[in-house]
Amino acid sequence: MINVFFDMDGTLIDSANAIACAVNEIRADLNLDSLSKEKITSIINTPNIDWAKELYNIDNFHHSSFKDGFEKYFIKHYEQSVILFDGVIELLDFLKSKNCFLAIATNAPQSSLSSILKKHNIIPYFDKILGVSVGIEPKPNPQMLNLLIDEAPYPTSIFIGDSQKDKECAKNAKIPYYHAKWYQTDNLKENEFGNVQTLKKYLLKYL
């Protein structure tokens, strides 16, 4: 039995289009030109980028998440277009059948998580869901993972994500990491996966 921690956006749920639409609606309200989905994704997922300046042209933004203060935009677009990646329910069922401790560690605001996740009926699978809030630092700071490790019941913990921030967070927390590249089949590196079957093979090594 193991502890398995998941990122949310880009790992469990396919939210790239929703995020891009929300950011560009915010930008329109701020009289800024739209950005491509690829540009927005890169800004969000790359450590040490001033995403408030890049996404909203705001200096001295006092929130830890790019969604803070703009939740209504993201909830609207998440409800309209976000879907689970293929096989996610199968994977969660498999891990629960093995009595794994499951948790989410996301840079989304804690206050928004129920609204985002309830649509997909996956909240009951998770023993703990952590997002950014007062006193909880965003990834790649390892605080979220360290809190989960301290609370989880088993000695082995694994983190599954999709970004450089996730990779660095796992490294900072000193736990194994597996990287989602959903639906890709070519040029996958060690510890990368494009489908649930490959990820299950990685996890079976610990079960």
Protein backbone atom coordinates (compact mmCIF):
# COMPACT_ATOMS: atom_id res chain seq x y z
CA MET A 1 0.00 0.00 0.00
CA ILE A 2 1.23 3.46 -0.93
CA ASN A 3 0.29 7.13 -0.86
CA VAL A 4 -0.41 8.58 -4.31
CA PHE A 5 -0.64 12.35 -4.70
CA PHE A 6 -1.98 13.96 -7.88
CA ASP A 7 -1.77 17.40 -9.38
CA MET A 8 -5.18 18.46 -10.74
CA ASP A 9 -4.99 20.57 -13.91
CA GLY A 10 -3.39 18.68 -16.78
CA THR A 11 -3.05 15.54 -14.67
CA LEU A 12 -6.55 14.47 -13.64
CA ILE A 13 -8.61 16.96 -15.63
CA ASP A 14 -8.13 18.33 -19.12
CA SER A 15 -8.52 22.01 -18.33
CA ALA A 16 -6.15 23.73 -20.76
CA ASN A 17 -8.96 25.13 -22.92
CA ALA A 18 -10.96 26.28 -19.89
CA ILE A 19 -7.93 28.03 -18.39
CA ALA A 20 -7.09 29.74 -21.68
CA CYS A 21 -10.69 30.91 -22.16
CA ALA A 22 -10.87 32.20 -18.58
CA VAL A 23 -7.55 34.04 -18.79
CA ASN A 24 -8.47 35.62 -22.11
CA GLU A 25 -11.87 36.72 -20.79
CA ILE A 26 -10.07 38.36 -17.86
CA ARG A 27 -7.62 39.96 -20.28
CA ALA A 28 -10.50 41.29 -22.39
CA ASP A 29 -12.04 42.87 -19.29
CA LEU A 30 -8.64 44.44 -18.58
CA ASN A 31 -8.42 45.73 -22.19
CA LEU A 32 -5.54 43.38 -23.03
CA ASP A 33 -5.09 41.35 -26.20
CA SER A 34 -5.68 37.61 -26.05
CA LEU A 35 -2.86 35.08 -25.68
CA SER A 36 -2.57 31.65 -27.26
CA LYS A 37 -3.43 28.58 -25.19
CA GLU A 38 0.18 27.41 -25.55
CA LYS A 39 1.54 30.72 -24.25
CA ILE A 40 -0.80 30.70 -21.26
CA THR A 41 0.05 27.10 -20.40
CA SER A 42 3.77 27.85 -20.58
CA ILE A 43 3.46 30.88 -18.30
CA ILE A 44 1.47 28.95 -15.70
CA ASN A 45 3.66 25.85 -15.66
CA THR A 46 7.12 27.43 -15.69
CA PRO A 47 8.71 28.22 -12.31
CA ASN A 48 9.97 31.73 -11.51
CA ILE A 49 7.80 33.51 -14.09
CA ASP A 50 5.86 36.56 -12.88
CA TRP A 51 2.57 35.15 -14.14
CA ALA A 52 0.49 38.06 -12.78
CA LYS A 53 2.47 40.45 -14.93
CA GLU A 54 2.50 38.12 -17.95
CA LEU A 55 -1.16 37.09 -17.80
CA TYR A 56 -2.86 40.22 -16.46
CA ASN A 57 -0.25 42.99 -16.68
CA ILE A 58 -0.62 43.45 -12.92
CA ASP A 59 2.34 44.46 -10.77
CA ASN A 60 2.62 43.45 -7.10
CA PHE A 61 -0.16 40.86 -7.26
CA HIS A 62 -0.72 39.71 -3.69
CA HIS A 63 -2.15 36.25 -4.34
CA SER A 64 -0.36 32.90 -4.58
CA SER A 65 -2.49 31.52 -7.44
CA PHE A 66 -3.24 32.98 -10.86
CA LYS A 67 -6.90 32.11 -10.15
CA ASP A 68 -7.19 34.04 -6.88
CA GLY A 69 -9.49 37.01 -7.25
CA PHE A 70 -10.79 35.72 -10.57
CA GLU A 71 -12.54 32.53 -9.41
CA LYS A 72 -15.85 33.32 -11.13
CA TYR A 73 -14.16 33.29 -14.54
CA PHE A 74 -12.49 29.94 -13.95
CA ILE A 75 -15.52 28.26 -12.39
CA LYS A 76 -17.64 29.35 -15.38
CA HIS A 77 -15.26 27.91 -17.96
CA TYR A 78 -14.45 24.80 -15.94
CA GLU A 79 -18.15 23.98 -15.79
CA GLN A 80 -18.47 24.47 -19.53
CA SER A 81 -15.53 22.56 -20.94
CA VAL A 82 -13.38 20.60 -18.47
CA ILE A 83 -13.34 16.80 -18.78
CA LEU A 84 -11.45 13.99 -17.09
CA PHE A 85 -8.59 12.44 -19.00
CA ASP A 86 -9.34 9.00 -20.41
CA GLY A 87 -8.93 6.26 -17.83
CA VAL A 88 -8.77 8.47 -14.73
CA ILE A 89 -11.77 6.79 -13.09
CA GLU A 90 -10.32 3.37 -13.93
CA LEU A 91 -7.03 4.39 -12.32
CA LEU A 92 -8.67 5.76 -9.17
CA ASP A 93 -10.80 2.60 -8.83
CA PHE A 94 -7.67 0.47 -9.20
CA LEU A 95 -5.74 2.43 -6.57
CA LYS A 96 -8.63 2.38 -4.09
CA SER A 97 -8.93 -1.39 -4.60
CA LYS A 98 -5.31 -1.55 -3.41
CA ASN A 99 -6.20 0.54 -0.33
CA CYS A 100 -3.95 3.41 -1.40
CA PHE A 101 -4.14 6.78 0.30
CA LEU A 102 -5.07 9.28 -2.43
CA ALA A 103 -4.68 13.05 -2.35
CA ILE A 104 -4.64 16.09 -4.62
CA ALA A 105 -1.98 18.81 -4.40
CA THR A 106 -2.87 21.68 -6.73
CA ASN A 107 -1.92 25.31 -7.18
CA ALA A 108 -5.60 26.18 -7.61
CA PRO A 109 -7.15 28.10 -4.69
CA GLN A 110 -8.50 25.83 -1.96
CA SER A 111 -11.78 27.76 -2.04
CA SER A 112 -12.43 26.79 -5.67
CA LEU A 113 -11.74 23.06 -5.53
CA SER A 114 -15.18 21.75 -4.58
CA SER A 115 -16.81 23.69 -7.42
CA ILE A 116 -14.23 22.43 -9.90
CA LEU A 117 -14.19 18.78 -8.84
CA LYS A 118 -17.81 18.03 -7.94
CA LYS A 119 -18.87 17.98 -11.59
CA HIS A 120 -16.73 14.90 -12.19
CA ASN A 121 -17.78 12.95 -9.09
CA ILE A 122 -14.20 12.18 -8.06
CA ILE A 123 -14.07 13.93 -4.67
CA PRO A 124 -15.02 10.72 -2.79
CA TYR A 125 -11.91 8.96 -4.10
CA PHE A 126 -9.58 11.33 -2.25
CA ASP A 127 -8.59 11.21 1.39
CA LYS A 128 -7.22 14.76 1.24
CA ILE A 129 -7.48 17.65 -1.24
CA LEU A 130 -5.01 20.54 -0.83
CA GLY A 131 -4.92 23.78 -2.75
CA VAL A 132 -3.29 27.16 -2.22
CA SER A 133 -4.61 29.17 0.72
CA VAL A 134 -3.35 31.38 3.51
CA GLY A 135 -0.31 29.60 4.91
CA ILE A 136 -0.17 27.02 2.09
CA GLU A 137 2.49 27.87 -0.49
CA PRO A 138 2.13 26.95 -4.18
CA LYS A 139 4.33 24.40 -5.92
CA PRO A 140 7.28 24.05 -6.52
CA ASN A 141 7.49 24.82 -2.80
CA PRO A 142 7.20 21.31 -1.28
CA GLN A 143 4.96 22.40 1.60
CA MET A 144 1.80 20.77 0.20
CA LEU A 145 3.55 17.46 -0.43
CA ASN A 146 5.25 17.54 2.96
CA LEU A 147 1.90 18.12 4.68
CA LEU A 148 0.41 15.18 2.79
CA ILE A 149 3.39 12.95 3.59
CA ASP A 150 3.03 13.77 7.29
CA GLU A 151 -0.69 12.93 7.26
CA ALA A 152 -0.61 9.89 4.96
CA PRO A 153 -0.51 6.44 6.58
CA TYR A 154 2.08 4.61 4.46
CA PRO A 155 5.87 5.06 4.21
CA THR A 156 6.00 5.31 0.40
CA SER A 157 4.60 8.41 -1.34
CA ILE A 158 4.48 9.16 -5.08
CA PHE A 159 3.54 12.38 -6.88
CA ILE A 160 1.97 12.51 -10.35
CA GLY A 161 1.93 15.81 -12.24
CA ASP A 162 2.34 17.43 -15.61
CA SER A 163 4.57 20.48 -15.23
CA GLN A 164 8.07 21.57 -14.34
CA LYS A 165 6.66 22.99 -11.10
CA ASP A 166 5.31 19.55 -10.22
CA LYS A 167 8.59 17.87 -11.07
CA GLU A 168 10.57 20.33 -8.94
CA CYS A 169 8.06 20.01 -6.10
CA ALA A 170 8.50 16.23 -5.98
CA LYS A 171 12.27 16.65 -6.08
CA ASN A 172 12.11 19.17 -3.23
CA ALA A 173 9.94 16.77 -1.21
CA LYS A 174 12.29 13.88 -2.07
CA ILE A 175 9.61 11.53 -3.43
CA PRO A 176 9.27 9.67 -6.77
CA TYR A 177 7.57 11.56 -9.59
CA TYR A 178 5.71 10.51 -12.74
CA HIS A 179 4.96 12.98 -15.51
CA ALA A 180 1.73 13.09 -17.54
CA LYS A 181 1.98 13.65 -21.29
CA TRP A 182 -1.53 12.56 -22.08
CA TYR A 183 -2.17 10.85 -25.42
CA GLN A 184 1.46 11.10 -26.54
CA THR A 185 3.01 7.86 -27.75
CA ASP A 186 6.38 8.91 -29.13
CA ASN A 187 9.55 10.22 -27.49
CA LEU A 188 8.39 9.58 -23.95
CA LYS A 189 11.21 9.69 -21.42
CA GLU A 190 11.67 7.56 -18.35
CA ASN A 191 8.90 8.19 -15.80
CA GLU A 192 6.65 9.83 -18.42
CA PHE A 193 3.33 8.36 -19.49
CA GLY A 194 0.74 9.02 -22.18
CA ASN A 195 -2.03 6.76 -20.93
CA VAL A 196 -3.34 5.11 -17.79
CA GLN A 197 -1.97 1.68 -18.70
CA THR A 198 1.61 2.95 -18.69
CA LEU A 199 1.10 4.79 -15.41
CA LYS A 200 -0.36 1.67 -13.81
CA LYS A 201 2.75 -0.27 -14.84
CA TYR A 202 4.91 2.30 -13.06
CA LEU A 203 2.77 2.20 -9.93
CA LEU A 204 2.63 -1.59 -9.79
CA LYS A 205 6.31 -1.54 -8.91
CA TYR A 206 5.32 -0.15 -5.52
CA LEU A 207 2.20 -2.24 -4.89
